[in-house]
Amino acid sequence: MPAKKKEETTKPKSIMVSRPKTLFYEILIRGLSDLVVNRFWNTKPIILKETGQPPLPKVARDLDYEYNMAFHIIDPFLPEATVGKYGFPCSGFKGACVKIAAQALNDKMFGAAQIRRAFHVIGDLALLDFDEIIYLEEYPVAKPAGRVLSPRPSFYNWSTKLYIRFTEGYITPARVSNILDHAGSNIGVGVLRPDKGGNNGMFEVAGMKTIRPTDVVTHRFTAEERERRRVSAIRPGSFKISE
């Protein structure tokens, strides 16, 4: 009788999956007009339903206190930050890019949803470099009862650096720079930016270079600001968040 052939055992094939390559870029942002900021602190006391806490009585406004509260202050307890440094939320620049993609670019490949996922701005705050801070003493804010004086800090001749990360092949550095340029000219950041009918907070891309992940410099909100944003996420409407 012929000998039986041994059954060949097939070994499972291993599949090699290459990891996506993440790129990091440092982008220099140069302001084209003054940057007016307002951190939007809570002006109305929160009434807790479970305790029935009544609102506090009206008191005279302290304009100097309101002015100081309008700054975005970088956490002084971090090793890379010191007391007296100011920043602006990185999410404001990303938000401007998302808005310009949705409103003006008319790009089917990169709409608002795609831009939201395409690249990420690292950190809470972008450190501001500026020549002068101007105290706007008569900044009008429209109210039903008329105009209300609301002092705001205005940064003159400002610039900052954004640290961007994205996946190679999903979006190109040139497209990121182009989107930021469009966002800076048509949307802007801060108070009374072009998106809100003003001309403050306009910016442009002044430079861009690739960096290593270890070269990324991040700045965080203060502990008070982080708690304020956490409360805002739990109880929407309790605070207004300025981007």
Foldseek 3Di string as FASTA:
>chain_A
DDDDDDDDDDDDDDDDDDDFDKFKKKWKKWFPFKFWFFQFDFPWDDQDPVVRDDTDDDDDDDQVVRAVNRFQFFACPDPVHHPPWTFAFPVQLLVLLLVCQQPPPPDPLDHSVLSNQFKDWDAGTWTKDADDKDWDQADWDDDPVGTDTHIIIIGHRMMTMTMMMGTPPSDDPVVVQVSSQSSLQQPAFHPQPNVNPHPHRRIHTPDMDTDDPVPDDYTYGYPVVVVVVVVCVVPPPSTDGGD
